[in-house]
């Protein structure tokens, strides 16, 4: 069927049927061949028996490690560091036997993308807000140095941090300790529900490997037909979601809120001069017996201490014409040195505290606003109307292309041993990942006179790393987008539309793109696609129909399962700043009135998802 020559069953003396000739002339024959080729590729890539290693087909209890090139690194930036201390074992839950935990731990260690997986419900609560952990102080004999002649500030600056993730590139040591909180004792996460997602019969950890017979960058040509490798790599990889997947914080009211909003960083007795080390000021003693501070000092003449304003004023004194090169400014701001009258260069130590200005609290103007909102939910519910794109929008990068400080807790695939054990799934390990590391698509928007909110649909089952570079891949290929629009989204909208809407509906993606053609006969390309408005009830029905179609599609559409929605609102600072200059009681009141299409009571219920509001507080002296 995929050949240009006629099949052997055709007889030379009998002409082809009129329907066959019409199918070849209209392109129907070509479309059927492409559809069959795509179906065969997707089914072969998602076949459990084909992807399972041969040894596991004979003996499911044997576990093989995932083979990867040791020279290829994997990008672990999308995985959050575990809350456990260094050297602590992985938290694999309390329901698995000891031998099962040992075998599962070995599998996770060789699977780099899952090496940080843990059972979040088994993490022991601990107190927060203690000071940065420091390594034990070593004696001078052990360090090979004698600090008897150093000041106390210099000795404190020599302490090393045991965990650099808690360190700071600004001031160290901290003038004051952060607020402390006791270990949390209440319920932390939503309870698990086995009916929340499809947890049985999916891919396993041992199947997380690239296809052995398809190169990720190859494109096969056959009679002007292309088979993209995306159909073989963008498949179900076994990730699932739980009721607590969207939760970033515990199930409780915020604790010590005001203590964490711009806490006072210094005490009344704090002296800013201790930030300048004595190696620059010379405030240390040369007494062999280790004299006290103030007993003596050293005159430092090869270092000059300047503030930021001093550097600017120094550069203005030697301002040459534009056509000439400013060597003094280059030495001052680039090389970090200044020239003396005798021509000797001295390094510059910048002390910003020299520009400090004293003022009272009454001289500070405080302004509060809401910069953005992010709502993550499995079922998107609104009050107003949502505009759904009829064709995939053009994009050169994902909708959420950088880290927005939002995390999700994905359930990793189960092992082969757990999949063959009777009694259902027993491994409930999850992985904390960044939101921008999950493949997603923009399917619509909620527009108003004040702002435009984007609606994204995320597909956690499509999360995978590139087989060659080892880096995460988040931008979905056009072939995969077309499958979702043509077989899931548009048919679901058509099933829920009334008879009177059928004349204005696009039944297929090809028809929608044909109607989007301009007067020149070309497609819209980079232009914004047309939208169809759907009310809240209609869109809820569309979502239910989408899940049914994905379930009915079996392996061919299983990669779109476990999907959830993200509502992102940006550019709303000015409509909420100070309650629009006193028109409303506050920024939150202005947000509710300016975005009436959102069901705020439903969004604030954490059983339906997680609502994050970015609050901005500005202090203007």
Protein backbone atom coordinates (compact mmCIF):
# COMPACT_ATOMS: atom_id res chain seq x y z
CA UNK A 1 0.00 0.00 0.00
CA UNK A 2 2.94 2.33 0.66
CA UNK A 3 4.52 1.73 -2.77
CA UNK A 4 4.09 3.85 -5.87
CA UNK A 5 3.86 0.82 -8.17
CA UNK A 6 0.46 -0.96 -8.41
CA UNK A 7 -0.09 -3.99 -6.18
CA UNK A 8 0.40 -7.48 -7.64
CA UNK A 9 -3.31 -8.25 -7.27
CA UNK A 10 -4.21 -5.73 -9.95
CA UNK A 11 -4.70 -7.25 -13.40
CA UNK A 12 -3.24 -5.56 -16.46
CA UNK A 13 -6.36 -5.97 -18.57
CA UNK A 14 -8.65 -4.49 -15.91
CA UNK A 15 -8.43 -0.78 -15.18
CA UNK A 16 -8.41 0.41 -11.53
CA UNK A 17 -11.66 1.24 -9.86
CA UNK A 18 -12.92 4.79 -10.08
CA UNK A 19 -12.84 5.11 -6.30
CA UNK A 20 -9.13 4.17 -6.21
CA UNK A 21 -8.27 6.73 -8.88
CA UNK A 22 -10.31 9.38 -7.12
CA UNK A 23 -8.56 8.61 -3.81
CA UNK A 24 -5.13 8.99 -5.43
CA UNK A 25 -6.14 12.22 -7.19
CA UNK A 26 -7.68 13.89 -4.12
CA UNK A 27 -4.93 12.84 -1.69
CA UNK A 28 -7.13 10.52 0.36
CA UNK A 29 -4.90 7.56 -0.53
CA UNK A 30 -1.82 9.46 0.66
CA UNK A 31 -3.55 10.46 3.93
CA UNK A 32 -4.55 6.86 4.65
CA UNK A 33 -0.99 5.68 4.08
CA UNK A 34 0.41 8.35 6.42
CA UNK A 35 -2.16 7.51 9.09
CA UNK A 36 -1.37 3.80 8.91
CA UNK A 37 2.37 4.47 9.03
CA UNK A 38 1.94 6.70 12.09
CA UNK A 39 -0.25 4.14 13.83
CA UNK A 40 2.30 1.36 13.28
CA UNK A 41 5.11 3.57 14.60
CA UNK A 42 3.23 4.63 17.74
CA UNK A 43 2.03 1.11 18.54
CA UNK A 44 5.51 -0.36 18.12
CA UNK A 45 7.01 2.36 20.32
CA UNK A 46 4.43 1.86 23.10
CA UNK A 47 4.24 -1.93 23.03
CA UNK A 48 5.05 -3.23 26.51
CA UNK A 49 6.42 -6.52 25.20
CA UNK A 50 8.63 -4.82 22.61
CA UNK A 51 10.12 -2.26 25.04
CA UNK A 52 10.68 -4.78 27.82
CA UNK A 53 14.22 -6.28 27.73
CA UNK A 54 14.33 -9.91 26.48
CA UNK A 55 15.52 -11.23 29.86
CA UNK A 56 12.54 -9.67 31.60
CA UNK A 57 10.12 -11.31 29.18
CA UNK A 58 11.30 -14.71 30.36
CA UNK A 59 11.90 -13.90 34.02
CA UNK A 60 10.11 -10.77 35.27
CA UNK A 61 11.92 -10.89 38.62
CA UNK A 62 15.31 -10.16 36.99
CA UNK A 63 16.19 -6.47 37.01
CA UNK A 64 18.48 -4.98 34.40
CA UNK A 65 20.05 -1.55 34.77
CA UNK A 66 19.36 1.11 32.18
CA UNK A 67 22.33 1.32 29.82
CA UNK A 68 23.50 4.85 29.16
CA UNK A 69 26.67 6.35 27.80
CA UNK A 70 28.80 7.31 30.81
CA UNK A 71 30.30 10.22 28.84
CA UNK A 72 26.89 11.83 28.38
CA UNK A 73 25.73 13.89 31.32
CA UNK A 74 22.13 14.35 32.28
CA UNK A 75 20.56 17.63 33.23
CA UNK A 76 19.54 17.43 36.85
CA UNK A 77 18.49 21.09 37.16
CA UNK A 78 14.79 20.20 36.98
CA UNK A 79 15.08 17.90 40.01
CA UNK A 80 14.95 19.47 43.46
CA UNK A 81 17.50 18.39 46.06
CA UNK A 82 16.21 15.95 48.66
CA UNK A 83 15.41 17.17 52.12
CA UNK A 84 17.62 14.51 53.67
CA UNK A 85 21.17 15.15 54.82
CA UNK A 86 24.18 14.04 52.80
CA UNK A 87 24.78 10.33 52.99
CA UNK A 88 21.26 9.52 54.13
CA UNK A 89 19.48 6.65 52.36
CA UNK A 90 16.56 7.21 50.05
CA UNK A 91 13.15 7.31 51.67
CA UNK A 92 11.44 4.37 49.99
CA UNK A 93 8.41 4.18 52.24
CA UNK A 94 7.39 1.90 55.06
CA UNK A 95 5.32 -0.72 53.22
CA UNK A 96 8.08 -2.42 51.22
CA UNK A 97 10.20 -5.22 52.69
CA UNK A 98 13.89 -4.66 53.25
CA UNK A 99 15.00 -6.81 50.30
CA UNK A 100 12.56 -5.01 47.96
CA UNK A 101 13.96 -1.66 49.07
CA UNK A 102 17.50 -2.83 48.39
CA UNK A 103 16.69 -3.95 44.84
CA UNK A 104 14.66 -0.82 44.14
CA UNK A 105 17.46 1.39 45.44
CA UNK A 106 19.92 -0.21 43.01
CA UNK A 107 17.60 0.45 40.08
CA UNK A 108 17.11 4.10 41.05
CA UNK A 109 20.84 4.70 41.42
CA UNK A 110 21.54 3.66 37.82
CA UNK A 111 18.59 5.70 36.52
CA UNK A 112 19.87 9.25 36.82
CA UNK A 113 16.55 10.95 36.10
CA UNK A 114 14.97 9.04 39.00
CA UNK A 115 17.87 9.02 41.46
CA UNK A 116 16.18 11.63 43.70
CA UNK A 117 12.85 9.81 43.97
CA UNK A 118 11.42 9.25 47.46
CA UNK A 119 8.18 8.58 49.28
CA UNK A 120 7.13 12.06 50.34
CA UNK A 121 4.73 10.75 52.95
CA UNK A 122 7.59 9.00 54.77
CA UNK A 123 9.83 12.05 55.14
CA UNK A 124 10.32 12.80 58.83
CA UNK A 125 9.25 16.36 59.77
CA UNK A 126 12.04 18.50 61.12
CA UNK A 127 12.47 21.95 62.57
CA UNK A 128 13.20 24.84 60.22
CA UNK A 129 14.91 28.17 60.53
CA UNK A 130 18.06 27.12 62.31
CA UNK A 131 21.28 28.85 61.39
CA UNK A 132 23.31 27.76 58.39
CA UNK A 133 25.02 24.49 59.34
CA UNK A 134 28.73 24.95 59.86
CA UNK A 135 31.47 22.43 59.89
CA UNK A 136 33.06 21.72 63.28
CA UNK A 137 35.84 24.10 64.08
CA UNK A 138 39.28 22.57 63.71
CA UNK A 139 42.23 23.36 65.87
CA UNK A 140 45.04 25.53 64.60
CA UNK A 141 47.44 22.58 64.71
CA UNK A 142 45.09 20.50 62.54
CA UNK A 143 44.66 23.29 59.99
CA UNK A 144 48.35 24.08 59.92
CA UNK A 145 47.66 27.78 60.62
CA UNK A 146 47.93 30.01 63.64
CA UNK A 147 44.93 32.35 63.98
CA UNK A 148 46.08 33.89 67.24
CA UNK A 149 46.91 37.17 65.47
CA UNK A 150 43.55 37.38 63.63
CA UNK A 151 40.53 39.31 64.83
CA UNK A 152 37.29 37.60 65.80
CA UNK A 153 35.57 38.89 62.65
CA UNK A 154 38.30 37.42 60.47
CA UNK A 155 38.10 34.11 62.27
CA UNK A 156 34.33 33.97 61.79
CA UNK A 157 34.68 34.66 58.05
CA UNK A 158 36.93 31.63 57.73
CA UNK A 159 34.23 29.17 58.73
CA UNK A 160 33.19 26.90 55.91
CA UNK A 161 29.62 26.00 55.02
CA UNK A 162 28.85 22.27 54.98
CA UNK A 163 25.89 22.70 52.60
CA UNK A 164 26.42 25.37 49.94
CA UNK A 165 22.78 25.16 48.85
CA UNK A 166 21.93 27.07 52.02
CA UNK A 167 24.71 29.57 51.58
CA UNK A 168 24.52 33.10 50.24
CA UNK A 169 26.74 35.01 47.82
CA UNK A 170 25.94 38.24 49.65
CA UNK A 171 26.76 38.81 53.30
CA UNK A 172 28.36 36.04 55.30
CA UNK A 173 28.20 35.39 58.17
CA UNK A 174 24.60 36.49 58.66
CA UNK A 175 24.13 39.32 61.14
CA UNK A 176 21.00 37.67 62.61
CA UNK A 177 19.59 34.16 62.48
CA UNK A 178 16.37 33.46 60.50
CA UNK A 179 13.07 32.85 62.36
CA UNK A 180 12.83 29.38 63.84
CA UNK A 181 9.84 27.05 63.60
CA UNK A 182 9.17 23.74 65.27
CA UNK A 183 8.61 20.55 63.31
CA UNK A 184 5.13 20.34 61.78
CA UNK A 185 2.82 17.78 63.41
CA UNK A 186 -0.40 18.02 61.36
CA UNK A 187 -1.41 16.45 58.06
CA UNK A 188 0.98 17.59 55.39
CA UNK A 189 -0.38 16.29 52.06
CA UNK A 190 -3.70 15.24 50.57
CA UNK A 191 -4.57 11.57 50.99
CA UNK A 192 -3.78 9.24 48.10
CA UNK A 193 -6.61 7.95 45.93
CA UNK A 194 -6.12 4.91 43.70
CA UNK A 195 -8.90 6.13 41.39
CA UNK A 196 -7.31 9.55 40.81
CA UNK A 197 -5.22 8.27 37.87
CA UNK A 198 -4.41 5.08 36.00
CA UNK A 199 -1.69 3.51 38.16
CA UNK A 200 -1.72 -0.09 36.88
CA UNK A 201 -0.40 -1.60 33.67
CA UNK A 202 1.83 1.29 32.63
CA UNK A 203 5.48 1.38 31.60
CA UNK A 204 8.05 0.43 34.22
CA UNK A 205 11.40 1.87 35.28
CA UNK A 206 13.28 -0.72 33.25
CA UNK A 207 11.55 0.56 30.09
CA UNK A 208 12.95 4.09 30.47
CA UNK A 209 15.44 3.68 27.67
CA UNK A 210 15.62 5.10 24.13
CA UNK A 211 14.38 2.94 21.22
CA UNK A 212 17.10 0.60 20.05
CA UNK A 213 16.11 0.62 16.37
CA UNK A 214 15.11 4.26 15.80
CA UNK A 215 17.67 7.06 15.81
CA UNK A 216 16.17 10.17 17.43
CA UNK A 217 17.36 12.48 14.61
CA UNK A 218 16.43 10.30 11.63
CA UNK A 219 13.54 11.01 9.25
CA UNK A 220 12.55 8.24 6.88
CA UNK A 221 11.39 9.25 3.39
CA UNK A 222 9.09 6.99 1.41
CA UNK A 223 7.21 8.38 -1.55
CA UNK A 224 7.19 11.93 -0.14
CA UNK A 225 6.04 10.69 3.26
CA UNK A 226 8.01 11.46 6.42
CA UNK A 227 8.08 9.37 9.56
CA UNK A 228 9.34 11.54 12.38
CA UNK A 229 11.14 9.89 15.25
CA UNK A 230 8.92 11.96 17.56
CA UNK A 231 6.24 9.29 17.22
CA UNK A 232 8.68 6.81 18.75
CA UNK A 233 10.12 8.96 21.57
CA UNK A 234 7.13 11.08 22.60
CA UNK A 235 5.21 8.21 24.14
CA UNK A 236 4.01 7.22 27.60
CA UNK A 237 7.06 6.92 29.88
CA UNK A 238 5.15 5.87 32.98
CA UNK A 239 4.86 9.10 35.01
CA UNK A 240 1.56 9.62 36.84
CA UNK A 241 -0.01 12.25 39.10
CA UNK A 242 -1.50 12.03 42.60
CA UNK A 243 -3.96 14.24 44.50
CA UNK A 244 -0.97 15.87 46.21
CA UNK A 245 1.05 16.36 43.01
CA UNK A 246 0.21 20.06 42.81
CA UNK A 247 0.94 20.81 46.46
CA UNK A 248 4.05 22.79 47.31
CA UNK A 249 3.17 23.60 50.92
CA UNK A 250 1.67 21.77 53.89
CA UNK A 251 -2.06 21.51 54.57
CA UNK A 252 -2.14 24.27 57.16
CA UNK A 253 -2.38 28.00 57.57
CA UNK A 254 0.82 29.99 57.04
CA UNK A 255 3.05 30.13 60.10
CA UNK A 256 4.87 33.27 61.27
CA UNK A 257 3.98 35.20 58.13
CA UNK A 258 5.04 38.67 59.24
CA UNK A 259 8.30 37.35 60.67
CA UNK A 260 9.33 36.16 57.19
CA UNK A 261 8.36 39.31 55.23
CA UNK A 262 11.40 41.60 55.10
CA UNK A 263 12.72 40.76 58.59
CA UNK A 264 15.11 43.21 60.18
CA UNK A 265 18.53 41.91 59.28
CA UNK A 266 20.68 43.76 61.80
CA UNK A 267 20.61 44.66 65.46
CA UNK A 268 21.10 48.10 66.96
CA UNK A 269 24.59 47.12 68.05
CA UNK A 270 25.57 45.87 64.60
CA UNK A 271 28.64 47.54 63.12
CA UNK A 272 28.79 47.52 59.33
CA UNK A 273 32.54 47.98 59.34
CA UNK A 274 33.06 44.33 60.26
CA UNK A 275 32.11 43.40 56.70
CA UNK A 276 35.47 44.76 55.56
CA UNK A 277 38.11 42.14 56.43
CA UNK A 278 41.08 43.11 58.51
CA UNK A 279 43.36 42.10 55.65
CA UNK A 280 42.23 45.37 54.03
CA UNK A 281 41.91 47.63 57.05
CA UNK A 282 44.97 46.32 58.88
CA UNK A 283 43.05 46.02 62.13
CA UNK A 284 44.99 43.06 63.43
CA UNK A 285 47.87 42.70 65.82
CA UNK A 286 51.40 41.63 65.07
CA UNK A 287 52.02 40.61 68.64
CA UNK A 288 53.49 37.12 68.81
CA UNK A 289 51.45 36.32 71.89
CA UNK A 290 48.16 37.04 70.10
CA UNK A 291 47.26 40.37 71.60
CA UNK A 292 43.71 41.64 71.90
CA UNK A 293 42.00 43.81 69.34
CA UNK A 294 42.96 47.43 69.54
CA UNK A 295 46.40 46.70 70.99
CA UNK A 296 48.02 47.45 67.67
CA UNK A 297 47.52 47.61 63.96
CA UNK A 298 49.15 47.58 60.57
CA UNK A 299 49.12 50.42 58.07
CA UNK A 300 47.80 49.12 54.73
CA UNK A 301 48.90 51.30 51.81
CA UNK A 302 48.54 49.00 48.82
CA UNK A 303 44.69 48.78 48.94
CA UNK A 304 42.21 51.66 48.66
CA UNK A 305 38.64 51.43 50.03
CA UNK A 306 36.06 53.23 47.88
CA UNK A 307 32.29 53.43 47.78
CA UNK A 308 30.22 53.27 44.62
CA UNK A 309 29.76 57.03 44.54
CA UNK A 310 33.51 57.56 45.03
CA UNK A 311 34.23 55.40 41.99
CA UNK A 312 31.80 57.38 39.85
CA UNK A 313 33.23 60.72 40.95
CA UNK A 314 36.76 59.48 40.31
CA UNK A 315 35.84 58.43 36.79
CA UNK A 316 34.22 61.80 36.02
CA UNK A 317 37.46 63.65 36.78
CA UNK A 318 39.19 61.94 33.86
CA UNK A 319 36.48 62.07 31.17
CA UNK A 320 38.20 62.14 27.76
CA UNK A 321 36.47 63.00 24.47
CA UNK A 322 34.31 60.37 22.84
CA UNK A 323 36.85 59.57 20.13
CA UNK A 324 39.54 58.81 22.71
CA UNK A 325 39.80 55.75 24.89
CA UNK A 326 39.05 56.12 28.60
CA UNK A 327 41.83 54.09 30.14
CA UNK A 328 41.17 55.37 33.65
CA UNK A 329 37.52 54.24 33.60
CA UNK A 330 38.58 50.87 32.19
CA UNK A 331 41.12 50.40 34.97
CA UNK A 332 38.63 51.54 37.60
CA UNK A 333 35.53 49.49 36.69
CA UNK A 334 36.99 46.59 34.69
CA UNK A 335 40.43 45.91 36.15
CA UNK A 336 39.50 47.08 39.66
CA UNK A 337 42.52 49.21 40.35
CA UNK A 338 43.44 52.88 40.53
CA UNK A 339 46.62 54.74 39.69
CA UNK A 340 48.36 56.93 42.22
CA UNK A 341 50.34 60.11 41.60
CA UNK A 342 53.53 58.09 41.36
CA UNK A 343 52.01 55.76 38.76
CA UNK A 344 51.64 52.77 41.07
CA UNK A 345 48.42 50.79 40.78
CA UNK A 346 46.46 49.91 43.91
CA UNK A 347 43.58 47.39 44.06
CA UNK A 348 40.13 48.71 44.96
CA UNK A 349 37.98 47.27 47.72
CA UNK A 350 34.34 48.35 47.28
CA UNK A 351 32.45 49.06 50.50
CA UNK A 352 28.80 49.88 49.76
CA UNK A 353 28.15 50.73 53.40
CA UNK A 354 29.96 54.03 52.91
CA UNK A 355 26.98 55.27 50.86
CA UNK A 356 24.45 54.40 53.56
CA UNK A 357 21.84 57.08 54.33
CA UNK A 358 20.13 57.38 57.68
CA UNK A 359 16.36 57.91 57.62
CA UNK A 360 13.32 57.18 59.76
CA UNK A 361 10.50 54.74 59.08
CA UNK A 362 8.17 57.65 58.33
CA UNK A 363 10.33 58.51 55.33
CA UNK A 364 9.61 55.14 53.62
CA UNK A 365 6.70 54.74 51.19
CA UNK A 366 5.37 51.15 51.15
CA UNK A 367 3.47 49.82 48.12
CA UNK A 368 1.88 46.37 47.72
CA UNK A 369 0.82 44.72 44.45
CA UNK A 370 0.26 41.30 42.84
CA UNK A 371 2.68 40.55 40.01
CA UNK A 372 1.29 37.24 38.71
CA UNK A 373 -0.84 34.21 39.54
CA UNK A 374 -0.39 30.50 38.75
CA UNK A 375 -3.13 27.95 39.33
CA UNK A 376 -2.46 24.24 38.80
CA UNK A 377 -5.45 21.90 38.71
CA UNK A 378 -6.64 18.68 37.14
CA UNK A 379 -10.05 20.08 36.14
CA UNK A 380 -10.22 23.69 35.00
CA UNK A 381 -13.34 25.41 36.29
CA UNK A 382 -14.22 29.03 35.55
CA UNK A 383 -17.01 31.53 35.89
CA UNK A 384 -16.73 33.15 32.49
CA UNK A 385 -15.75 32.06 28.99
CA UNK A 386 -12.53 30.55 27.71
CA UNK A 387 -11.28 30.87 24.14
CA UNK A 388 -9.88 27.56 22.83
CA UNK A 389 -7.48 27.61 19.88
CA UNK A 390 -8.77 25.71 16.84
CA UNK A 391 -5.23 25.05 15.56
CA UNK A 392 -1.91 24.69 17.41
CA UNK A 393 -0.38 28.15 17.91
CA UNK A 394 3.03 28.83 16.42
CA UNK A 395 5.81 28.82 19.00
CA UNK A 396 9.60 28.78 18.93
CA UNK A 397 9.86 27.81 22.61
CA UNK A 398 7.55 26.35 25.27
CA UNK A 399 4.92 28.58 26.83
CA UNK A 400 6.65 28.37 30.22
CA UNK A 401 10.25 28.31 29.05
CA UNK A 402 12.02 29.17 32.30
CA UNK A 403 11.76 28.30 35.96
CA UNK A 404 8.80 30.11 37.56
CA UNK A 405 9.61 28.83 41.09
CA UNK A 406 6.77 26.30 40.89
CA UNK A 407 7.30 22.61 41.61
CA UNK A 408 5.28 19.45 41.05
CA UNK A 409 5.55 16.05 42.69
CA UNK A 410 5.26 13.39 39.96
CA UNK A 411 4.77 9.70 40.67
CA UNK A 412 7.58 7.77 38.98
CA UNK A 413 7.02 4.47 37.13
CA UNK A 414 6.90 1.29 39.15
CA UNK A 415 9.48 -1.44 38.81
CA UNK A 416 8.97 -4.70 36.94
CA UNK A 417 8.88 -6.61 40.22
CA UNK A 418 6.11 -4.40 41.58
CA UNK A 419 4.14 -4.64 38.33
CA UNK A 420 4.04 -8.45 38.53
CA UNK A 421 3.31 -8.65 42.25
CA UNK A 422 -0.32 -9.54 43.12
CA UNK A 423 -2.41 -7.08 45.07
CA UNK A 424 -1.84 -3.93 43.04
CA UNK A 425 0.80 -1.25 43.15
CA UNK A 426 2.94 -0.97 46.29
CA UNK A 427 5.62 1.50 45.14
CA UNK A 428 4.54 5.13 45.53
CA UNK A 429 7.79 7.00 45.01
CA UNK A 430 7.59 10.53 43.66
CA UNK A 431 9.99 13.04 42.18
CA UNK A 432 9.93 16.78 42.76
CA UNK A 433 10.46 18.55 39.43
CA UNK A 434 10.18 22.08 38.12
CA UNK A 435 7.04 22.98 36.21
CA UNK A 436 8.93 24.12 33.11
CA UNK A 437 10.52 20.65 32.76
CA UNK A 438 7.18 19.01 31.83
CA UNK A 439 6.05 19.17 28.17
CA UNK A 440 2.97 21.36 27.70
CA UNK A 441 0.86 23.18 25.13
CA UNK A 442 -1.09 26.44 25.16
CA UNK A 443 -4.67 25.55 24.24
CA UNK A 444 -6.50 28.80 24.95
CA UNK A 445 -6.74 32.10 26.75
CA UNK A 446 -9.07 34.11 28.96
CA UNK A 447 -9.14 37.68 27.71
CA UNK A 448 -10.50 40.81 29.30
CA UNK A 449 -9.92 44.54 29.09
CA UNK A 450 -7.45 44.35 31.97
CA UNK A 451 -5.26 41.38 31.02
CA UNK A 452 -4.94 38.09 29.16
CA UNK A 453 -4.57 34.79 31.02
CA UNK A 454 -2.97 31.83 29.22
CA UNK A 455 -4.27 28.30 29.71
CA UNK A 456 -1.76 25.45 29.31
CA UNK A 457 -2.28 21.71 29.32
CA UNK A 458 0.60 19.62 30.70
CA UNK A 459 1.44 16.03 29.76
CA UNK A 460 3.62 14.45 32.49
CA UNK A 461 3.72 11.10 30.71
CA UNK A 462 5.74 12.72 27.90
CA UNK A 463 8.54 13.82 30.23
CA UNK A 464 11.84 12.37 29.08
CA UNK A 465 15.46 13.24 28.39
CA UNK A 466 17.14 13.40 25.02
CA UNK A 467 18.80 10.11 24.15
CA UNK A 468 21.93 11.81 22.77
CA UNK A 469 22.54 14.91 24.89
CA UNK A 470 20.88 13.64 28.08
CA UNK A 471 19.12 17.00 28.56
CA UNK A 472 15.42 17.42 29.13
CA UNK A 473 13.16 18.00 26.13
CA UNK A 474 10.09 20.16 26.70
CA UNK A 475 9.02 21.60 23.35
CA UNK A 476 6.52 19.22 21.75
CA UNK A 477 7.02 18.49 18.00
CA UNK A 478 4.37 19.54 15.50
CA UNK A 479 3.50 15.92 14.71
CA UNK A 480 2.55 15.24 18.32
CA UNK A 481 0.60 18.51 18.54
CA UNK A 482 -1.39 17.59 15.43
CA UNK A 483 -2.33 14.22 16.96
CA UNK A 484 -3.68 15.90 20.09
CA UNK A 485 -5.70 18.51 18.20
CA UNK A 486 -6.95 16.15 15.50
CA UNK A 487 -7.86 13.16 17.67
CA UNK A 488 -8.53 14.57 21.13
CA UNK A 489 -9.34 18.29 21.38
CA UNK A 490 -11.35 19.08 18.24
CA UNK A 491 -13.45 15.87 18.31
CA UNK A 492 -14.22 16.47 21.99
CA UNK A 493 -15.46 19.98 21.22
CA UNK A 494 -17.55 18.64 18.36
CA UNK A 495 -19.14 15.97 20.58
CA UNK A 496 -20.24 18.60 23.12
CA UNK A 497 -21.49 21.24 20.66
CA UNK A 498 -25.15 21.73 19.79
CA UNK A 499 -26.57 21.10 16.34
CA UNK A 500 -26.73 24.80 15.62
CA UNK A 501 -22.96 25.04 16.19
CA UNK A 502 -22.02 22.35 13.67
CA UNK A 503 -21.90 24.78 10.76
CA UNK A 504 -19.27 26.84 12.56
CA UNK A 505 -17.27 23.96 13.98
CA UNK A 506 -14.07 22.48 12.54
CA UNK A 507 -14.37 18.73 12.56
CA UNK A 508 -10.68 18.08 11.82
CA UNK A 509 -7.37 19.89 12.04
CA UNK A 510 -7.03 19.92 8.25
CA UNK A 511 -10.38 21.68 7.92
CA UNK A 512 -9.46 24.19 10.63
CA UNK A 513 -6.20 25.05 8.89
CA UNK A 514 -7.96 25.34 5.55
CA UNK A 515 -10.40 27.91 6.97
CA UNK A 516 -7.52 29.83 8.55
CA UNK A 517 -5.96 30.52 5.15
CA UNK A 518 -5.74 34.15 4.21
CA UNK A 519 -6.66 35.85 0.95
CA UNK A 520 -3.35 34.83 -0.62
CA UNK A 521 -4.11 31.16 -0.04
CA UNK A 522 -1.32 30.66 2.48
CA UNK A 523 -1.79 29.53 6.05
CA UNK A 524 -1.62 31.93 8.92
CA UNK A 525 1.82 30.68 10.04
CA UNK A 526 3.00 32.79 12.94
CA UNK A 527 -0.33 34.54 13.39
CA UNK A 528 -2.63 33.88 16.31
CA UNK A 529 -5.03 31.04 15.46
CA UNK A 530 -8.77 31.44 15.59
CA UNK A 531 -10.56 30.60 18.82
CA UNK A 532 -13.94 29.20 19.73
CA UNK A 533 -15.57 30.53 22.92
CA UNK A 534 -16.73 27.94 25.43
CA UNK A 535 -18.64 28.54 28.63
CA UNK A 536 -17.67 26.91 31.90
CA UNK A 537 -20.24 24.11 31.56
CA UNK A 538 -19.23 23.42 27.96
CA UNK A 539 -15.52 23.32 28.79
CA UNK A 540 -16.10 20.97 31.74
CA UNK A 541 -17.94 18.63 29.37
CA UNK A 542 -15.11 18.94 26.85
CA UNK A 543 -12.56 17.97 29.50
CA UNK A 544 -14.54 14.86 30.44
CA UNK A 545 -14.83 13.90 26.76
CA UNK A 546 -11.08 14.41 26.29
CA UNK A 547 -10.30 11.93 29.07
CA UNK A 548 -12.71 9.41 27.53
CA UNK A 549 -11.11 9.73 24.10
CA UNK A 550 -7.62 9.32 25.53
CA UNK A 551 -8.75 6.22 27.40
CA UNK A 552 -10.44 4.79 24.30
CA UNK A 553 -7.32 5.41 22.23
CA UNK A 554 -5.37 2.87 24.32
CA UNK A 555 -1.62 2.88 23.61
CA UNK A 556 -1.93 5.18 20.60
CA UNK A 557 -3.16 8.08 22.77
CA UNK A 558 -1.90 6.98 26.18
CA UNK A 559 0.88 9.61 26.13
CA UNK A 560 -1.76 12.34 26.63
CA UNK A 561 -3.09 10.75 29.82
CA UNK A 562 -2.57 12.16 33.34
CA UNK A 563 -2.90 15.65 31.85
CA UNK A 564 -3.64 18.69 33.99
CA UNK A 565 -4.13 22.43 33.41
CA UNK A 566 -2.15 25.49 34.44
CA UNK A 567 -3.64 28.98 34.41
CA UNK A 568 -0.97 31.67 34.22
CA UNK A 569 -1.63 35.37 34.59
CA UNK A 570 1.12 37.93 34.01
CA UNK A 571 1.16 41.69 33.59
CA UNK A 572 -1.41 42.34 36.33
CA UNK A 573 0.81 44.52 38.52
CA UNK A 574 -0.78 47.85 37.59
CA UNK A 575 -4.37 46.67 37.97
CA UNK A 576 -3.67 45.59 41.56
CA UNK A 577 -1.05 48.07 42.78
CA UNK A 578 -2.28 49.74 45.96
CA UNK A 579 -5.86 48.74 45.12
CA UNK A 580 -5.69 50.89 41.97
CA UNK A 581 -4.76 53.99 43.94
CA UNK A 582 -7.37 53.55 46.63
CA UNK A 583 -10.31 52.51 44.46
CA UNK A 584 -10.38 49.12 46.17
CA UNK A 585 -9.53 48.11 49.71
CA UNK A 586 -6.33 46.35 48.67
CA UNK A 587 -4.53 44.46 45.88
CA UNK A 588 -6.52 41.27 46.52
CA UNK A 589 -9.81 43.16 46.24
CA UNK A 590 -8.66 44.76 42.99
CA UNK A 591 -7.66 41.33 41.65
CA UNK A 592 -11.10 39.86 42.35
CA UNK A 593 -12.92 42.74 40.64
CA UNK A 594 -10.65 42.99 37.58
CA UNK A 595 -10.63 39.24 36.85
CA UNK A 596 -14.29 38.26 37.28
CA UNK A 597 -14.05 35.26 34.91
CA UNK A 598 -12.21 33.21 37.54
CA UNK A 599 -13.94 31.23 40.26
CA UNK A 600 -11.79 32.38 43.16
CA UNK A 601 -13.57 30.35 45.85
CA UNK A 602 -13.00 27.18 43.86
CA UNK A 603 -9.38 28.10 43.13
CA UNK A 604 -8.58 28.77 46.79
CA UNK A 605 -9.83 25.30 47.80
CA UNK A 606 -6.59 23.31 47.91
CA UNK A 607 -8.37 20.01 47.26
CA UNK A 608 -8.84 21.22 43.65
CA UNK A 609 -5.26 22.37 43.05
CA UNK A 610 -2.63 24.86 44.10
CA UNK A 611 -3.03 28.63 43.66
CA UNK A 612 0.17 30.67 43.89
CA UNK A 613 0.00 34.46 44.09
CA UNK A 614 3.18 36.47 43.62
CA UNK A 615 2.93 39.43 46.01
CA UNK A 616 5.29 42.33 45.47
CA UNK A 617 6.22 44.76 48.25
CA UNK A 618 8.22 47.85 47.32
CA UNK A 619 9.92 50.20 49.77
CA UNK A 620 10.68 53.67 48.39
CA UNK A 621 12.69 56.00 50.68
